[in-house]
Amino acid sequence: VQLQASGGGLVQAGESLRLSCVASASIHTIPVVAWYRQAPGKQRELVASIGHGIGIDYADSVKGRFTISRDNVKNTLVLQMNNLRPEDTAVYYCNAQRGNLNYWGQGTLVTVFS
């Protein structure tokens, strides 16, 4: 599965961004799709995920502000990010999990200034 992420940018705190990730495979057939992020000097962390049979999950730090969704027609994973904070600054990666295999997009940079 190839993943192509886009939508990052430089925004002020309180503003919104919408990240998209286009998959080369039918996204509805992928058991788990997710967004991760990695801030400078920190480990990569899970932001949000959608899984067959396990529903939607969010990191506590983004609950109520971020929304993950999947467009099965466009084979696209979307992360709507509202009320952004400086601590959301990171490279955001889309991820697809199929069995023991993990696929990663190239990352898109989100920078939030106060």
Protein backbone atom coordinates (compact mmCIF):
# COMPACT_ATOMS: atom_id res chain seq x y z
CA VAL A 1 0.00 0.00 0.00
CA GLN A 2 1.38 3.39 -0.94
CA LEU A 3 0.28 6.43 1.01
CA GLN A 4 0.55 10.07 -0.06
CA ALA A 5 -0.08 12.67 2.64
CA SER A 6 -0.70 16.37 2.14
CA GLY A 7 -2.26 19.39 3.77
CA GLY A 8 0.31 20.50 6.31
CA GLY A 9 1.29 24.10 6.72
CA LEU A 10 2.02 27.04 9.00
CA VAL A 11 -0.93 28.32 11.01
CA GLN A 12 -1.63 30.43 14.04
CA ALA A 13 -2.95 28.91 17.25
CA GLY A 14 -6.71 28.51 17.11
CA GLU A 15 -6.81 27.96 13.37
CA SER A 16 -7.61 24.75 11.47
CA LEU A 17 -5.93 22.45 8.98
CA ARG A 18 -7.17 19.46 7.04
CA LEU A 19 -4.73 16.66 6.29
CA SER A 20 -5.40 14.14 3.54
CA CYS A 21 -3.78 10.82 2.77
CA VAL A 22 -4.51 9.07 -0.51
CA ALA A 23 -4.03 5.30 -0.50
CA SER A 24 -3.10 3.16 -3.51
CA ALA A 25 -5.41 0.39 -2.29
CA SER A 26 -9.11 0.41 -1.52
CA ILE A 27 -8.98 2.07 1.87
CA HIS A 28 -12.11 0.35 3.17
CA THR A 29 -10.31 -3.01 2.85
CA ILE A 30 -7.43 -1.94 5.11
CA PRO A 31 -8.11 -3.17 8.66
CA VAL A 32 -6.58 -0.18 10.47
CA VAL A 33 -5.73 3.28 9.18
CA ALA A 34 -4.32 5.99 11.38
CA TRP A 35 -2.53 9.29 11.77
CA TYR A 36 0.64 9.54 13.82
CA ARG A 37 2.83 12.53 14.56
CA GLN A 38 6.39 13.14 15.61
CA ALA A 39 7.49 16.37 17.22
CA PRO A 40 11.16 17.42 17.26
CA GLY A 41 13.07 15.39 19.81
CA LYS A 42 10.09 13.20 20.65
CA GLN A 43 8.90 9.75 19.74
CA ARG A 44 6.25 9.16 17.14
CA GLU A 45 2.81 8.98 18.75
CA LEU A 46 -0.64 7.89 17.68
CA VAL A 47 -3.02 10.77 17.00
CA ALA A 48 -6.14 8.96 15.76
CA SER A 49 -7.11 5.66 14.21
CA ILE A 50 -10.01 3.89 12.53
CA GLY A 51 -10.16 0.11 12.71
CA HIS A 52 -12.55 -2.56 11.51
CA GLY A 53 -14.46 -3.72 14.54
CA ILE A 54 -12.63 -1.41 16.91
CA GLY A 55 -14.04 1.91 15.81
CA ILE A 56 -12.33 5.27 16.20
CA ASP A 57 -9.75 6.19 18.78
CA TYR A 58 -8.05 9.50 19.60
CA ALA A 59 -5.12 10.55 21.71
CA ASP A 60 -6.36 12.37 24.80
CA SER A 61 -4.52 15.51 23.74
CA VAL A 62 -6.59 15.88 20.55
CA LYS A 63 -10.01 14.68 21.66
CA GLY A 64 -12.69 17.23 20.86
CA ARG A 65 -10.42 19.08 18.42
CA PHE A 66 -9.41 16.54 15.77
CA THR A 67 -11.65 14.32 13.66
CA ILE A 68 -10.49 11.34 11.64
CA SER A 69 -12.55 10.08 8.74
CA ARG A 70 -12.27 7.81 5.75
CA ASP A 71 -13.57 8.53 2.24
CA ASN A 72 -14.02 5.11 0.66
CA VAL A 73 -14.82 6.53 -2.76
CA LYS A 74 -11.64 8.62 -2.96
CA ASN A 75 -9.53 6.10 -0.99
CA THR A 76 -8.56 8.97 1.27
CA LEU A 77 -7.94 9.22 5.00
CA VAL A 78 -8.66 12.66 6.41
CA LEU A 79 -7.67 14.37 9.64
CA GLN A 80 -9.58 17.55 10.37
CA MET A 81 -7.68 19.54 12.96
CA ASN A 82 -9.43 22.43 14.68
CA ASN A 83 -8.34 24.81 17.40
CA LEU A 84 -4.69 24.00 16.79
CA ARG A 85 -2.15 24.59 19.52
CA PRO A 86 1.62 25.15 19.38
CA GLU A 87 2.09 21.72 20.96
CA ASP A 88 0.44 20.19 17.88
CA THR A 89 3.52 21.16 15.87
CA ALA A 90 4.93 17.97 14.36
CA VAL A 91 5.37 15.95 11.22
CA TYR A 92 2.16 14.04 10.66
CA TYR A 93 2.24 10.58 9.08
CA CYS A 94 -0.57 8.46 7.76
CA ASN A 95 -0.38 4.76 8.48
CA ALA A 96 -2.05 1.62 7.22
CA GLN A 97 -1.91 -1.72 9.01
CA ARG A 98 -2.67 -5.00 7.34
CA GLY A 99 -1.83 -8.04 9.39
CA ASN A 100 1.80 -7.74 10.47
CA LEU A 101 2.55 -5.16 7.81
CA ASN A 102 2.78 -1.43 8.49
CA TYR A 103 2.74 1.11 5.68
CA TRP A 104 3.72 4.76 6.11
CA GLY A 105 3.21 7.91 4.12
CA GLN A 106 6.02 10.41 3.70
CA GLY A 107 4.84 12.85 6.36
CA THR A 108 3.50 16.37 6.20
CA LEU A 109 4.72 19.17 8.46
CA VAL A 110 2.29 21.09 10.65
CA THR A 111 3.63 24.17 12.42
CA VAL A 112 1.47 26.11 14.85
CA PHE A 113 2.67 29.45 16.22
CA SER A 114 1.18 31.46 19.05
